[in-house]
Amino acid sequence: MSFDTTYAGRRAVVVGGTHGIGLAIAQRLVDGAAEVLVTGRDAAKVAEAAAALGPAATGLAGDVTSEDHRSALAERAGEVDAVFVNVGIAEVEPFAEVSEASGTASST
């Protein structure tokens, strides 16, 4: 039996890593022997995801739009090799009304 060591010695942060694509990214990194820090807004989901990922994963709950959380995240993560930002905001409006400002307003 061989083990995947693609990411051995690497450290990564997965923002929005508690479910869906973010959790799948975190799982792939752990499967490849990386150390992973997952973050999300729901503390229970963060703890659940970190436990499911195993001993190579830790979690930190918080809102990435908060400067305090980003500072805590940077302090906790230390030096990392990769950051995966798997979050988004959905703003629904008729297609004919979408403007350049629509696309940049939610990313600021």
PDB file of N, CA and C in Angstrom:
ATOM      1  N   MET A   1       0.844  -1.186   0.000  1.00  0.00           N
ATOM      2  CA  MET A   1       0.000   0.000   0.000  1.00  0.00           C
ATOM      3  C   MET A   1       0.885   1.243   0.000  1.00  0.00           C
ATOM      4  N   SER A   2       0.610   2.182  -0.875  1.00  0.00           N
ATOM      5  CA  SER A   2       1.378   3.421  -0.924  1.00  0.00           C
ATOM      6  C   SER A   2       0.535   4.572  -0.390  1.00  0.00           C
ATOM      7  N   PHE A   3       1.236   5.547   0.143  1.00  0.00           N
ATOM      8  CA  PHE A   3       0.558   6.726   0.664  1.00  0.00           C
ATOM      9  C   PHE A   3       0.889   7.920  -0.219  1.00  0.00           C
ATOM     10  N   ASP A   4      -0.085   8.784  -0.404  1.00  0.00           N
ATOM     11  CA  ASP A   4       0.099   9.987  -1.209  1.00  0.00           C
ATOM     12  C   ASP A   4       0.827  11.023  -0.366  1.00  0.00           C
ATOM     13  N   THR A   5       1.969  11.457  -0.810  1.00  0.00           N
ATOM     14  CA  THR A   5       2.730  12.476  -0.091  1.00  0.00           C
ATOM     15  C   THR A   5       2.936  13.721  -0.950  1.00  0.00           C
ATOM     16  N   THR A   6       2.028  13.938  -1.867  1.00  0.00           N
ATOM     17  CA  THR A   6       2.118  15.070  -2.792  1.00  0.00           C
ATOM     18  C   THR A   6       2.357  16.394  -2.076  1.00  0.00           C
ATOM     19  N   TYR A   7       1.697  16.595  -0.934  1.00  0.00           N
ATOM     20  CA  TYR A   7       1.776  17.876  -0.223  1.00  0.00           C
ATOM     21  C   TYR A   7       2.509  17.754   1.107  1.00  0.00           C
ATOM     22  N   ALA A   8       3.310  16.736   1.273  1.00  0.00           N
ATOM     23  CA  ALA A   8       4.047  16.532   2.526  1.00  0.00           C
ATOM     24  C   ALA A   8       4.886  17.761   2.856  1.00  0.00           C
ATOM     25  N   GLY A   9       4.821  18.179   4.101  1.00  0.00           N
ATOM     26  CA  GLY A   9       5.585  19.337   4.540  1.00  0.00           C
ATOM     27  C   GLY A   9       4.956  20.672   4.169  1.00  0.00           C
ATOM     28  N   ARG A  10       3.813  20.648   3.548  1.00  0.00           N
ATOM     29  CA  ARG A  10       3.124  21.882   3.133  1.00  0.00           C
ATOM     30  C   ARG A  10       2.038  22.243   4.140  1.00  0.00           C
ATOM     31  N   ARG A  11       1.766  23.524   4.254  1.00  0.00           N
ATOM     32  CA  ARG A  11       0.713  24.017   5.136  1.00  0.00           C
ATOM     33  C   ARG A  11      -0.235  24.879   4.312  1.00  0.00           C
ATOM     34  N   ALA A  12      -1.529  24.682   4.538  1.00  0.00           N
ATOM     35  CA  ALA A  12      -2.528  25.414   3.757  1.00  0.00           C
ATOM     36  C   ALA A  12      -3.669  25.886   4.652  1.00  0.00           C
ATOM     37  N   VAL A  13      -4.298  26.956   4.227  1.00  0.00           N
ATOM     38  CA  VAL A  13      -5.511  27.480   4.859  1.00  0.00           C
ATOM     39  C   VAL A  13      -6.632  27.355   3.838  1.00  0.00           C
ATOM     40  N   VAL A  14      -7.782  26.849   4.286  1.00  0.00           N
ATOM     41  CA  VAL A  14      -8.953  26.771   3.417  1.00  0.00           C
ATOM     42  C   VAL A  14     -10.059  27.598   4.064  1.00  0.00           C
ATOM     43  N   VAL A  15     -10.289  28.775   3.511  1.00  0.00           N
ATOM     44  CA  VAL A  15     -11.362  29.662   3.987  1.00  0.00           C
ATOM     45  C   VAL A  15     -12.664  29.144   3.381  1.00  0.00           C
ATOM     46  N   GLY A  16     -13.662  28.933   4.215  1.00  0.00           N
ATOM     47  CA  GLY A  16     -14.897  28.323   3.740  1.00  0.00           C
ATOM     48  C   GLY A  16     -14.707  26.827   3.563  1.00  0.00           C
ATOM     49  N   GLY A  17     -13.952  26.220   4.476  1.00  0.00           N
ATOM     50  CA  GLY A  17     -13.597  24.820   4.346  1.00  0.00           C
ATOM     51  C   GLY A  17     -14.445  23.850   5.145  1.00  0.00           C
ATOM     52  N   THR A  18     -15.659  24.243   5.497  1.00  0.00           N
ATOM     53  CA  THR A  18     -16.463  23.374   6.357  1.00  0.00           C
ATOM     54  C   THR A  18     -17.406  22.440   5.617  1.00  0.00           C
ATOM     55  N   HIS A  19     -17.638  22.683   4.331  1.00  0.00           N
ATOM     56  CA  HIS A  19     -18.543  21.821   3.569  1.00  0.00           C
ATOM     57  C   HIS A  19     -18.314  22.040   2.070  1.00  0.00           C
ATOM     58  N   GLY A  20     -18.914  21.192   1.276  1.00  0.00           N
ATOM     59  CA  GLY A  20     -18.876  21.357  -0.178  1.00  0.00           C
ATOM     60  C   GLY A  20     -17.472  21.369  -0.752  1.00  0.00           C
ATOM     61  N   ILE A  21     -17.256  22.264  -1.705  1.00  0.00           N
ATOM     62  CA  ILE A  21     -15.979  22.343  -2.407  1.00  0.00           C
ATOM     63  C   ILE A  21     -14.829  22.638  -1.452  1.00  0.00           C
ATOM     64  N   GLY A  22     -15.044  23.533  -0.495  1.00  0.00           N
ATOM     65  CA  GLY A  22     -13.986  23.871   0.463  1.00  0.00           C
ATOM     66  C   GLY A  22     -13.539  22.668   1.271  1.00  0.00           C
ATOM     67  N   LEU A  23     -14.486  21.883   1.748  1.00  0.00           N
ATOM     68  CA  LEU A  23     -14.150  20.679   2.514  1.00  0.00           C
ATOM     69  C   LEU A  23     -13.450  19.659   1.616  1.00  0.00           C
ATOM     70  N   ALA A  24     -13.885  19.547   0.365  1.00  0.00           N
ATOM     71  CA  ALA A  24     -13.238  18.628  -0.571  1.00  0.00           C
ATOM     72  C   ALA A  24     -11.786  19.048  -0.833  1.00  0.00           C
ATOM     73  N   ILE A  25     -11.539  20.333  -0.951  1.00  0.00           N
ATOM     74  CA  ILE A  25     -10.173  20.840  -1.128  1.00  0.00           C
ATOM     75  C   ILE A  25      -9.340  20.474   0.098  1.00  0.00           C
ATOM     76  N   ALA A  26      -9.889  20.755   1.281  1.00  0.00           N
ATOM     77  CA  ALA A  26      -9.174  20.443   2.517  1.00  0.00           C
ATOM     78  C   ALA A  26      -8.881  18.946   2.613  1.00  0.00           C
ATOM     79  N   GLN A  27      -9.854  18.107   2.248  1.00  0.00           N
ATOM     80  CA  GLN A  27      -9.663  16.658   2.304  1.00  0.00           C
ATOM     81  C   GLN A  27      -8.559  16.213   1.359  1.00  0.00           C
ATOM     82  N   ARG A  28      -8.538  16.761   0.154  1.00  0.00           N
ATOM     83  CA  ARG A  28      -7.497  16.402  -0.820  1.00  0.00           C
ATOM     84  C   ARG A  28      -6.115  16.799  -0.308  1.00  0.00           C
ATOM     85  N   LEU A  29      -6.029  17.957   0.311  1.00  0.00           N
ATOM     86  CA  LEU A  29      -4.750  18.398   0.863  1.00  0.00           C
ATOM     87  C   LEU A  29      -4.295  17.475   1.987  1.00  0.00           C
ATOM     88  N   VAL A  30      -5.204  17.133   2.892  1.00  0.00           N
ATOM     89  CA  VAL A  30      -4.878  16.216   3.987  1.00  0.00           C
ATOM     90  C   VAL A  30      -4.489  14.852   3.429  1.00  0.00           C
ATOM     91  N   ASP A  31      -5.241  14.377   2.444  1.00  0.00           N
ATOM     92  CA  ASP A  31      -4.926  13.085   1.816  1.00  0.00           C
ATOM     93  C   ASP A  31      -3.528  13.084   1.204  1.00  0.00           C
ATOM     94  N   GLY A  32      -3.059  14.243   0.802  1.00  0.00           N
ATOM     95  CA  GLY A  32      -1.721  14.381   0.231  1.00  0.00           C
ATOM     96  C   GLY A  32      -0.668  14.731   1.258  1.00  0.00           C
ATOM     97  N   ALA A  33      -1.015  14.613   2.549  1.00  0.00           N
ATOM     98  CA  ALA A  33      -0.085  14.786   3.672  1.00  0.00           C
ATOM     99  C   ALA A  33       0.190  16.236   4.056  1.00  0.00           C
ATOM    100  N   ALA A  34      -0.672  17.168   3.683  1.00  0.00           N
ATOM    101  CA  ALA A  34      -0.511  18.564   4.100  1.00  0.00           C
ATOM    102  C   ALA A  34      -1.131  18.776   5.480  1.00  0.00           C
ATOM    103  N   GLU A  35      -0.677  19.822   6.150  1.00  0.00           N
ATOM    104  CA  GLU A  35      -1.332  20.312   7.356  1.00  0.00           C
ATOM    105  C   GLU A  35      -2.313  21.381   6.895  1.00  0.00           C
ATOM    106  N   VAL A  36      -3.544  21.324   7.393  1.00  0.00           N
ATOM    107  CA  VAL A  36      -4.590  22.221   6.900  1.00  0.00           C
ATOM    108  C   VAL A  36      -5.299  22.914   8.058  1.00  0.00           C
ATOM    109  N   LEU A  37      -5.526  24.210   7.887  1.00  0.00           N
ATOM    110  CA  LEU A  37      -6.354  24.993   8.801  1.00  0.00           C
ATOM    111  C   LEU A  37      -7.615  25.375   8.048  1.00  0.00           C
ATOM    112  N   VAL A  38      -8.770  24.905   8.531  1.00  0.00           N
ATOM    113  CA  VAL A  38     -10.039  25.263   7.904  1.00  0.00           C
ATOM    114  C   VAL A  38     -10.697  26.353   8.732  1.00  0.00           C
ATOM    115  N   THR A  39     -11.386  27.231   8.049  1.00  0.00           N
ATOM    116  CA  THR A  39     -12.081  28.304   8.734  1.00  0.00           C
ATOM    117  C   THR A  39     -13.462  28.489   8.120  1.00  0.00           C
ATOM    118  N   GLY A  40     -14.370  28.986   8.942  1.00  0.00           N
ATOM    119  CA  GLY A  40     -15.734  29.255   8.535  1.00  0.00           C
ATOM    120  C   GLY A  40     -16.435  30.007   9.654  1.00  0.00           C
ATOM    121  N   ARG A  41     -17.635  30.472   9.397  1.00  0.00           N
ATOM    122  CA  ARG A  41     -18.353  31.279  10.388  1.00  0.00           C
ATOM    123  C   ARG A  41     -19.008  30.472  11.497  1.00  0.00           C
ATOM    124  N   ASP A  42     -19.376  29.238  11.229  1.00  0.00           N
ATOM    125  CA  ASP A  42     -20.107  28.417  12.194  1.00  0.00           C
ATOM    126  C   ASP A  42     -19.119  27.550  12.984  1.00  0.00           C
ATOM    127  N   ALA A  43     -18.961  27.862  14.280  1.00  0.00           N
ATOM    128  CA  ALA A  43     -17.971  27.168  15.108  1.00  0.00           C
ATOM    129  C   ALA A  43     -18.199  25.661  15.151  1.00  0.00           C
ATOM    130  N   ALA A  44     -19.452  25.237  15.226  1.00  0.00           N
ATOM    131  CA  ALA A  44     -19.745  23.802  15.281  1.00  0.00           C
ATOM    132  C   ALA A  44     -19.333  23.116  13.981  1.00  0.00           C
ATOM    133  N   LYS A  45     -19.595  23.758  12.848  1.00  0.00           N
ATOM    134  CA  LYS A  45     -19.219  23.176  11.558  1.00  0.00           C
ATOM    135  C   LYS A  45     -17.708  23.156  11.376  1.00  0.00           C
ATOM    136  N   VAL A  46     -17.027  24.174  11.878  1.00  0.00           N
ATOM    137  CA  VAL A  46     -15.561  24.209  11.798  1.00  0.00           C
ATOM    138  C   VAL A  46     -14.984  23.055  12.609  1.00  0.00           C
ATOM    139  N   ALA A  47     -15.488  22.866  13.823  1.00  0.00           N
ATOM    140  CA  ALA A  47     -15.003  21.779  14.673  1.00  0.00           C
ATOM    141  C   ALA A  47     -15.287  20.423  14.039  1.00  0.00           C
ATOM    142  N   GLU A  48     -16.473  20.267  13.475  1.00  0.00           N
ATOM    143  CA  GLU A  48     -16.863  19.016  12.821  1.00  0.00           C
ATOM    144  C   GLU A  48     -15.960  18.724  11.623  1.00  0.00           C
ATOM    145  N   ALA A  49     -15.701  19.743  10.810  1.00  0.00           N
ATOM    146  CA  ALA A  49     -14.848  19.551   9.630  1.00  0.00           C
ATOM    147  C   ALA A  49     -13.423  19.189  10.043  1.00  0.00           C
ATOM    148  N   ALA A  50     -12.871  19.909  11.009  1.00  0.00           N
ATOM    149  CA  ALA A  50     -11.502  19.628  11.452  1.00  0.00           C
ATOM    150  C   ALA A  50     -11.404  18.214  12.014  1.00  0.00           C
ATOM    151  N   ALA A  51     -12.395  17.783  12.781  1.00  0.00           N
ATOM    152  CA  ALA A  51     -12.385  16.426  13.340  1.00  0.00           C
ATOM    153  C   ALA A  51     -12.479  15.386  12.226  1.00  0.00           C
ATOM    154  N   ALA A  52     -13.342  15.632  11.245  1.00  0.00           N
ATOM    155  CA  ALA A  52     -13.510  14.687  10.146  1.00  0.00           C
ATOM    156  C   ALA A  52     -12.243  14.570   9.297  1.00  0.00           C
ATOM    157  N   LEU A  53     -11.505  15.657   9.185  1.00  0.00           N
ATOM    158  CA  LEU A  53     -10.287  15.656   8.382  1.00  0.00           C
ATOM    159  C   LEU A  53      -9.133  14.943   9.083  1.00  0.00           C
ATOM    160  N   GLY A  54      -9.209  14.828  10.400  1.00  0.00           N
ATOM    161  CA  GLY A  54      -8.198  14.101  11.142  1.00  0.00           C
ATOM    162  C   GLY A  54      -7.139  14.979  11.779  1.00  0.00           C
ATOM    163  N   PRO A  55      -6.098  14.345  12.317  1.00  0.00           N
ATOM    164  CA  PRO A  55      -5.098  15.070  13.110  1.00  0.00           C
ATOM    165  C   PRO A  55      -4.259  16.088  12.340  1.00  0.00           C
ATOM    166  N   ALA A  56      -4.243  16.015  11.029  1.00  0.00           N
ATOM    167  CA  ALA A  56      -3.479  16.985  10.237  1.00  0.00           C
ATOM    168  C   ALA A  56      -4.239  18.291  10.043  1.00  0.00           C
ATOM    169  N   ALA A  57      -5.476  18.352  10.547  1.00  0.00           N
ATOM    170  CA  ALA A  57      -6.308  19.544  10.345  1.00  0.00           C
ATOM    171  C   ALA A  57      -6.657  20.198  11.682  1.00  0.00           C
ATOM    172  N   THR A  58      -6.745  21.511  11.631  1.00  0.00           N
ATOM    173  CA  THR A  58      -7.240  22.296  12.755  1.00  0.00           C
ATOM    174  C   THR A  58      -8.279  23.261  12.204  1.00  0.00           C
ATOM    175  N   GLY A  59      -9.020  23.893  13.096  1.00  0.00           N
ATOM    176  CA  GLY A  59     -10.043  24.822  12.661  1.00  0.00           C
ATOM    177  C   GLY A  59     -10.021  26.104  13.459  1.00  0.00           C
ATOM    178  N   LEU A  60     -10.530  27.154  12.854  1.00  0.00           N
ATOM    179  CA  LEU A  60     -10.681  28.444  13.516  1.00  0.00           C
ATOM    180  C   LEU A  60     -11.958  29.080  12.993  1.00  0.00           C
ATOM    181  N   ALA A  61     -12.918  29.259  13.883  1.00  0.00           N
ATOM    182  CA  ALA A  61     -14.201  29.840  13.488  1.00  0.00           C
ATOM    183  C   ALA A  61     -14.127  31.354  13.478  1.00  0.00           C
ATOM    184  N   GLY A  62     -14.790  31.960  12.499  1.00  0.00           N
ATOM    185  CA  GLY A  62     -14.859  33.403  12.426  1.00  0.00           C
ATOM    186  C   GLY A  62     -15.289  33.855  11.042  1.00  0.00           C
ATOM    187  N   ASP A  63     -15.538  35.133  10.926  1.00  0.00           N
ATOM    188  CA  ASP A  63     -15.990  35.735   9.678  1.00  0.00           C
ATOM    189  C   ASP A  63     -14.804  36.399   8.996  1.00  0.00           C
ATOM    190  N   VAL A  64     -14.434  35.902   7.835  1.00  0.00           N
ATOM    191  CA  VAL A  64     -13.250  36.395   7.132  1.00  0.00           C
ATOM    192  C   VAL A  64     -13.374  37.864   6.727  1.00  0.00           C
ATOM    193  N   THR A  65     -14.574  38.418   6.763  1.00  0.00           N
ATOM    194  CA  THR A  65     -14.717  39.848   6.468  1.00  0.00           C
ATOM    195  C   THR A  65     -14.317  40.709   7.667  1.00  0.00           C
ATOM    196  N   SER A  66     -14.084  40.078   8.815  1.00  0.00           N
ATOM    197  CA  SER A  66     -13.673  40.790  10.023  1.00  0.00           C
ATOM    198  C   SER A  66     -12.150  40.902  10.087  1.00  0.00           C
ATOM    199  N   GLU A  67     -11.653  42.101  10.265  1.00  0.00           N
ATOM    200  CA  GLU A  67     -10.214  42.305  10.360  1.00  0.00           C
ATOM    201  C   GLU A  67      -9.644  41.547  11.558  1.00  0.00           C
ATOM    202  N   ASP A  68     -10.386  41.507  12.665  1.00  0.00           N
ATOM    203  CA  ASP A  68      -9.923  40.766  13.841  1.00  0.00           C
ATOM    204  C   ASP A  68      -9.762  39.276  13.527  1.00  0.00           C
ATOM    205  N   HIS A  69     -10.722  38.716  12.786  1.00  0.00           N
ATOM    206  CA  HIS A  69     -10.612  37.294  12.426  1.00  0.00           C
ATOM    207  C   HIS A  69      -9.445  37.059  11.485  1.00  0.00           C
ATOM    208  N   ARG A  70      -9.263  37.929  10.518  1.00  0.00           N
ATOM    209  CA  ARG A  70      -8.142  37.765   9.596  1.00  0.00           C
ATOM    210  C   ARG A  70      -6.811  37.833  10.340  1.00  0.00           C
ATOM    211  N   SER A  71      -6.712  38.714  11.324  1.00  0.00           N
ATOM    212  CA  SER A  71      -5.482  38.801  12.122  1.00  0.00           C
ATOM    213  C   SER A  71      -5.269  37.530  12.932  1.00  0.00           C
ATOM    214  N   ALA A  72      -6.346  37.035  13.555  1.00  0.00           N
ATOM    215  CA  ALA A  72      -6.252  35.787  14.329  1.00  0.00           C
ATOM    216  C   ALA A  72      -5.890  34.618  13.419  1.00  0.00           C
ATOM    217  N   LEU A  73      -6.460  34.611  12.229  1.00  0.00           N
ATOM    218  CA  LEU A  73      -6.191  33.554  11.264  1.00  0.00           C
ATOM    219  C   LEU A  73      -4.725  33.578  10.841  1.00  0.00           C
ATOM    220  N   ALA A  74      -4.205  34.757  10.556  1.00  0.00           N
ATOM    221  CA  ALA A  74      -2.799  34.881  10.151  1.00  0.00           C
ATOM    222  C   ALA A  74      -1.871  34.453  11.284  1.00  0.00           C
ATOM    223  N   GLU A  75      -2.200  34.840  12.499  1.00  0.00           N
ATOM    224  CA  GLU A  75      -1.376  34.466  13.652  1.00  0.00           C
ATOM    225  C   GLU A  75      -1.410  32.954  13.867  1.00  0.00           C
ATOM    226  N   ARG A  76      -2.594  32.380  13.810  1.00  0.00           N
ATOM    227  CA  ARG A  76      -2.751  30.938  14.032  1.00  0.00           C
ATOM    228  C   ARG A  76      -2.111  30.120  12.910  1.00  0.00           C
ATOM    229  N   ALA A  77      -2.258  30.566  11.686  1.00  0.00           N
ATOM    230  CA  ALA A  77      -1.743  29.805  10.546  1.00  0.00           C
ATOM    231  C   ALA A  77      -0.231  29.877  10.436  1.00  0.00           C
ATOM    232  N   GLY A  78       0.331  31.017  10.792  1.00  0.00           N
ATOM    233  CA  GLY A  78       1.766  31.180  10.616  1.00  0.00           C
ATOM    234  C   GLY A  78       2.118  31.207   9.143  1.00  0.00           C
ATOM    235  N   GLU A  79       3.288  30.691   8.815  1.00  0.00           N
ATOM    236  CA  GLU A  79       3.727  30.667   7.421  1.00  0.00           C
ATOM    237  C   GLU A  79       3.024  29.523   6.692  1.00  0.00           C
ATOM    238  N   VAL A  80       2.391  29.837   5.583  1.00  0.00           N
ATOM    239  CA  VAL A  80       1.667  28.822   4.811  1.00  0.00           C
ATOM    240  C   VAL A  80       2.155  28.804   3.367  1.00  0.00           C
ATOM    241  N   ASP A  81       1.882  27.679   2.718  1.00  0.00           N
ATOM    242  CA  ASP A  81       2.258  27.520   1.319  1.00  0.00           C
ATOM    243  C   ASP A  81       1.125  27.867   0.366  1.00  0.00           C
ATOM    244  N   ALA A  82      -0.121  27.764   0.870  1.00  0.00           N
ATOM    245  CA  ALA A  82      -1.275  28.025   0.001  1.00  0.00           C
ATOM    246  C   ALA A  82      -2.461  28.481   0.828  1.00  0.00           C
ATOM    247  N   VAL A  83      -3.246  29.370   0.238  1.00  0.00           N
ATOM    248  CA  VAL A  83      -4.507  29.817   0.835  1.00  0.00           C
ATOM    249  C   VAL A  83      -5.587  29.635  -0.224  1.00  0.00           C
ATOM    250  N   PHE A  84      -6.641  28.907   0.127  1.00  0.00           N
ATOM    251  CA  PHE A  84      -7.772  28.695  -0.762  1.00  0.00           C
ATOM    252  C   PHE A  84      -8.946  29.471  -0.198  1.00  0.00           C
ATOM    253  N   VAL A  85      -9.427  30.443  -0.944  1.00  0.00           N
ATOM    254  CA  VAL A  85     -10.558  31.265  -0.507  1.00  0.00           C
ATOM    255  C   VAL A  85     -11.796  30.763  -1.232  1.00  0.00           C
ATOM    256  N   ASN A  86     -12.610  30.058  -0.495  1.00  0.00           N
ATOM    257  CA  ASN A  86     -13.777  29.394  -1.069  1.00  0.00           C
ATOM    258  C   ASN A  86     -15.047  29.996  -0.467  1.00  0.00           C
ATOM    259  N   VAL A  87     -15.236  31.271  -0.678  1.00  0.00           N
ATOM    260  CA  VAL A  87     -16.417  31.966  -0.155  1.00  0.00           C
ATOM    261  C   VAL A  87     -16.987  32.844  -1.257  1.00  0.00           C
ATOM    262  N   GLY A  88     -18.212  33.226  -1.091  1.00  0.00           N
ATOM    263  CA  GLY A  88     -18.820  34.101  -2.077  1.00  0.00           C
ATOM    264  C   GLY A  88     -20.079  34.743  -1.540  1.00  0.00           C
ATOM    265  N   ILE A  89     -20.512  35.726  -2.225  1.00  0.00           N
ATOM    266  CA  ILE A  89     -21.732  36.439  -1.878  1.00  0.00           C
ATOM    267  C   ILE A  89     -22.623  36.431  -3.110  1.00  0.00           C
ATOM    268  N   ALA A  90     -23.867  36.095  -2.912  1.00  0.00           N
ATOM    269  CA  ALA A  90     -24.801  36.091  -4.039  1.00  0.00           C
ATOM    270  C   ALA A  90     -25.738  37.287  -3.925  1.00  0.00           C
ATOM    271  N   GLU A  91     -25.718  38.097  -4.926  1.00  0.00           N
ATOM    272  CA  GLU A  91     -26.638  39.226  -5.017  1.00  0.00           C
ATOM    273  C   GLU A  91     -27.426  39.032  -6.304  1.00  0.00           C
ATOM    274  N   VAL A  92     -28.721  38.884  -6.167  1.00  0.00           N
ATOM    275  CA  VAL A  92     -29.563  38.576  -7.321  1.00  0.00           C
ATOM    276  C   VAL A  92     -30.162  39.858  -7.891  1.00  0.00           C
ATOM    277  N   GLU A  93     -30.000  40.018  -9.197  1.00  0.00           N
ATOM    278  CA  GLU A  93     -30.615  41.132  -9.898  1.00  0.00           C
ATOM    279  C   GLU A  93     -30.839  40.711 -11.344  1.00  0.00           C
ATOM    280  N   PRO A  94     -31.763  41.324 -12.007  1.00  0.00           N
ATOM    281  CA  PRO A  94     -32.009  40.961 -13.413  1.00  0.00           C
ATOM    282  C   PRO A  94     -30.739  41.145 -14.245  1.00  0.00           C
ATOM    283  N   PHE A  95     -30.490  40.228 -15.151  1.00  0.00           N
ATOM    284  CA  PHE A  95     -29.279  40.260 -15.962  1.00  0.00           C
ATOM    285  C   PHE A  95     -29.111  41.597 -16.678  1.00  0.00           C
ATOM    286  N   ALA A  96     -30.187  42.148 -17.190  1.00  0.00           N
ATOM    287  CA  ALA A  96     -30.117  43.411 -17.937  1.00  0.00           C
ATOM    288  C   ALA A  96     -29.673  44.575 -17.059  1.00  0.00           C
ATOM    289  N   GLU A  97     -29.757  44.409 -15.725  1.00  0.00           N
ATOM    290  CA  GLU A  97     -29.373  45.485 -14.808  1.00  0.00           C
ATOM    291  C   GLU A  97     -27.974  45.319 -14.208  1.00  0.00           C
ATOM    292  N   VAL A  98     -27.285  44.243 -14.558  1.00  0.00           N
ATOM    293  CA  VAL A  98     -25.949  44.003 -14.033  1.00  0.00           C
ATOM    294  C   VAL A  98     -24.995  45.010 -14.638  1.00  0.00           C
ATOM    295  N   SER A  99     -24.204  45.643 -13.779  1.00  0.00           N
ATOM    296  CA  SER A  99     -23.218  46.631 -14.242  1.00  0.00           C
ATOM    297  C   SER A  99     -21.850  46.248 -13.699  1.00  0.00           C
ATOM    298  N   GLU A 100     -20.844  46.989 -14.092  1.00  0.00           N
ATOM    299  CA  GLU A 100     -19.511  46.753 -13.569  1.00  0.00           C
ATOM    300  C   GLU A 100     -19.506  46.966 -12.065  1.00  0.00           C
ATOM    301  N   ALA A 101     -20.228  47.947 -11.578  1.00  0.00           N
ATOM    302  CA  ALA A 101     -20.310  48.208 -10.148  1.00  0.00           C
ATOM    303  C   ALA A 101     -20.934  47.039  -9.407  1.00  0.00           C
ATOM    304  N   SER A 102     -21.864  46.331 -10.032  1.00  0.00           N
ATOM    305  CA  SER A 102     -22.481  45.161  -9.404  1.00  0.00           C
ATOM    306  C   SER A 102     -21.445  44.111  -9.060  1.00  0.00           C
ATOM    307  N   GLY A 103     -20.533  43.886  -9.947  1.00  0.00           N
ATOM    308  CA  GLY A 103     -19.513  42.870  -9.740  1.00  0.00           C
ATOM    309  C   GLY A 103     -18.448  43.237  -8.743  1.00  0.00           C
ATOM    310  N   THR A 104     -18.158  44.517  -8.617  1.00  0.00           N
ATOM    311  CA  THR A 104     -17.109  44.930  -7.691  1.00  0.00           C
ATOM    312  C   THR A 104     -17.634  45.283  -6.313  1.00  0.00           C
ATOM    313  N   ALA A 105     -18.910  45.579  -6.182  1.00  0.00           N
ATOM    314  CA  ALA A 105     -19.474  45.974  -4.880  1.00  0.00           C
ATOM    315  C   ALA A 105     -19.370  44.871  -3.857  1.00  0.00           C
ATOM    316  N   SER A 106     -19.601  43.627  -4.246  1.00  0.00           N
ATOM    317  CA  SER A 106     -19.593  42.536  -3.272  1.00  0.00           C
ATOM    318  C   SER A 106     -18.190  42.055  -2.955  1.00  0.00           C
ATOM    319  N   SER A 107     -17.182  42.478  -3.700  1.00  0.00           N
ATOM    320  CA  SER A 107     -15.832  42.002  -3.449  1.00  0.00           C
ATOM    321  C   SER A 107     -15.001  43.021  -2.683  1.00  0.00           C
ATOM    322  N   THR A 108     -15.607  44.106  -2.268  1.00  0.00           N
ATOM    323  CA  THR A 108     -14.844  45.114  -1.527  1.00  0.00           C
ATOM    324  C   THR A 108     -15.044  44.983  -0.053  1.00  0.00           C
TER     325      THR A 108
END
